[in-house]
Amino acid sequence: TTVIPKELMAQRIVGCIRALEQSSRDSTMEALYYLLDGRVVATEFVAGPKSRCVGTMLKDLRLRKDVLLPCVIHGRESVIPDGRTVIEPDDRVVVITTNRDIGGLDEILQGEGE
């Protein structure tokens, strides 16, 4: 992989803009990384108390098919989530996806009819 400073700066700027847009909604974006030449996006969100993901076991959430949740951080404890994992307010949730338009935690959920 070649590191290109201009692309790194562009990724950082996009991450900041998305975080500002999203901060008043369901979550706050803390980090955004483009992987595999931009085909995959890794994002870290902090769950807000109004998020539809909060308080429900993952097995009961209708996650989009293009989303993986490899890690949930409860305070100082990192968890590899399973179906019984529950996201709580202020948890950090790592999201891996091929969808570049996910700007908030609630956007990992399927919409009606999906």
Protein backbone atom coordinates (compact mmCIF):
# COMPACT_ATOMS: atom_id res chain seq x y z
CA THR A 1 0.00 0.00 0.00
CA THR A 2 1.27 3.43 -0.93
CA VAL A 3 0.71 6.27 1.53
CA ILE A 4 -0.23 9.49 -0.25
CA PRO A 5 -0.30 12.55 2.06
CA LYS A 6 -2.92 14.33 -0.04
CA GLU A 7 -5.30 11.37 0.26
CA LEU A 8 -4.69 11.08 4.00
CA MET A 9 -5.54 14.75 4.47
CA ALA A 10 -8.67 14.41 2.32
CA GLN A 11 -9.82 11.43 4.41
CA ARG A 12 -9.27 13.40 7.60
CA ILE A 13 -11.24 16.40 6.29
CA VAL A 14 -14.14 14.20 5.16
CA GLY A 15 -14.15 12.54 8.59
CA CYS A 16 -14.32 15.91 10.36
CA ILE A 17 -17.14 17.14 8.14
CA ARG A 18 -19.16 13.95 8.63
CA ALA A 19 -18.58 14.13 12.40
CA LEU A 20 -19.89 17.70 12.53
CA GLU A 21 -22.95 16.82 10.47
CA GLN A 22 -23.76 13.79 12.60
CA SER A 23 -22.91 15.01 16.11
CA SER A 24 -26.39 16.28 16.90
CA ARG A 25 -28.13 13.10 15.80
CA ASP A 26 -27.80 9.50 16.94
CA SER A 27 -24.03 9.32 17.33
CA THR A 28 -20.72 11.08 16.93
CA MET A 29 -18.16 9.94 14.38
CA GLU A 30 -14.76 9.66 16.04
CA ALA A 31 -12.65 8.17 13.25
CA LEU A 32 -12.95 7.41 9.54
CA TYR A 33 -10.52 5.34 7.46
CA TYR A 34 -10.65 4.27 3.84
CA LEU A 35 -9.14 0.85 3.18
CA LEU A 36 -8.37 -1.18 0.06
CA ASP A 37 -8.13 1.83 -2.24
CA GLY A 38 -11.32 3.32 -0.82
CA ARG A 39 -13.52 0.27 -1.41
CA VAL A 40 -13.94 -0.36 2.32
CA VAL A 41 -14.66 2.16 5.08
CA ALA A 42 -13.83 1.67 8.76
CA THR A 43 -15.59 4.10 11.08
CA GLU A 44 -15.74 4.51 14.85
CA PHE A 45 -18.94 5.98 16.28
CA VAL A 46 -19.83 6.97 19.83
CA ALA A 47 -23.43 5.89 20.46
CA GLY A 48 -25.77 8.67 21.52
CA PRO A 49 -28.66 8.09 23.92
CA LYS A 50 -31.21 8.64 21.12
CA SER A 51 -29.72 6.07 18.75
CA ARG A 52 -32.07 3.29 17.66
CA CYS A 53 -29.13 0.88 18.18
CA VAL A 54 -28.93 1.61 21.93
CA GLY A 55 -30.49 -0.78 24.41
CA THR A 56 -31.25 -3.62 21.96
CA MET A 57 -29.35 -6.89 21.51
CA LEU A 58 -27.53 -6.98 18.19
CA LYS A 59 -29.43 -10.13 17.19
CA ASP A 60 -32.65 -8.11 17.34
CA LEU A 61 -31.35 -5.22 15.21
CA ARG A 62 -31.86 -5.39 11.44
CA LEU A 63 -28.33 -4.58 10.34
CA ARG A 64 -27.60 -3.77 6.72
CA LYS A 65 -26.04 -6.65 4.80
CA ASP A 66 -22.94 -4.61 3.94
CA VAL A 67 -22.03 -3.89 7.60
CA LEU A 68 -19.71 -5.67 10.04
CA LEU A 69 -19.31 -4.72 13.71
CA PRO A 70 -15.91 -6.12 14.74
CA CYS A 71 -15.66 -4.27 18.05
CA VAL A 72 -17.77 -2.51 20.68
CA ILE A 73 -15.96 -0.64 23.44
CA HIS A 74 -17.84 -0.33 26.75
CA GLY A 75 -15.82 2.16 28.82
CA ARG A 76 -12.37 0.56 28.96
CA GLU A 77 -13.48 -2.92 27.88
CA SER A 78 -13.24 -3.97 24.22
CA VAL A 79 -15.73 -6.63 23.20
CA ILE A 80 -15.95 -8.71 20.05
CA PRO A 81 -19.72 -8.49 19.74
CA ASP A 82 -22.10 -11.39 19.33
CA GLY A 83 -25.87 -11.47 19.06
CA ARG A 84 -26.31 -10.86 22.80
CA THR A 85 -24.18 -7.70 22.82
CA VAL A 86 -26.12 -4.55 23.70
CA ILE A 87 -24.87 -1.11 22.65
CA GLU A 88 -25.23 1.43 25.45
CA PRO A 89 -24.99 5.25 25.32
CA ASP A 90 -21.35 6.41 25.03
CA ASP A 91 -20.17 3.01 23.73
CA ARG A 92 -17.69 3.18 20.88
CA VAL A 93 -18.78 1.05 17.94
CA VAL A 94 -16.43 0.14 15.09
CA VAL A 95 -18.23 -0.29 11.78
CA ILE A 96 -16.70 -1.84 8.64
CA THR A 97 -18.64 -1.41 5.41
CA THR A 98 -18.39 -1.03 1.66
CA ASN A 99 -21.01 1.74 1.84
CA ARG A 100 -19.30 5.13 1.83
CA ASP A 101 -22.52 6.97 2.72
CA ILE A 102 -22.90 5.77 6.31
CA GLY A 103 -22.51 8.89 8.41
CA GLY A 104 -24.17 7.82 11.65
CA LEU A 105 -24.71 4.77 13.79
CA ASP A 106 -28.42 4.48 12.96
CA GLU A 107 -27.51 4.27 9.27
CA ILE A 108 -26.16 0.73 9.82
CA LEU A 109 -29.78 -0.40 10.23
CA GLN A 110 -31.87 -1.60 7.32
CA GLY A 111 -34.60 0.74 6.20
CA GLU A 112 -38.14 -0.33 5.60
CA GLY A 113 -38.38 -2.82 2.72
CA GLU A 114 -34.65 -3.66 2.64
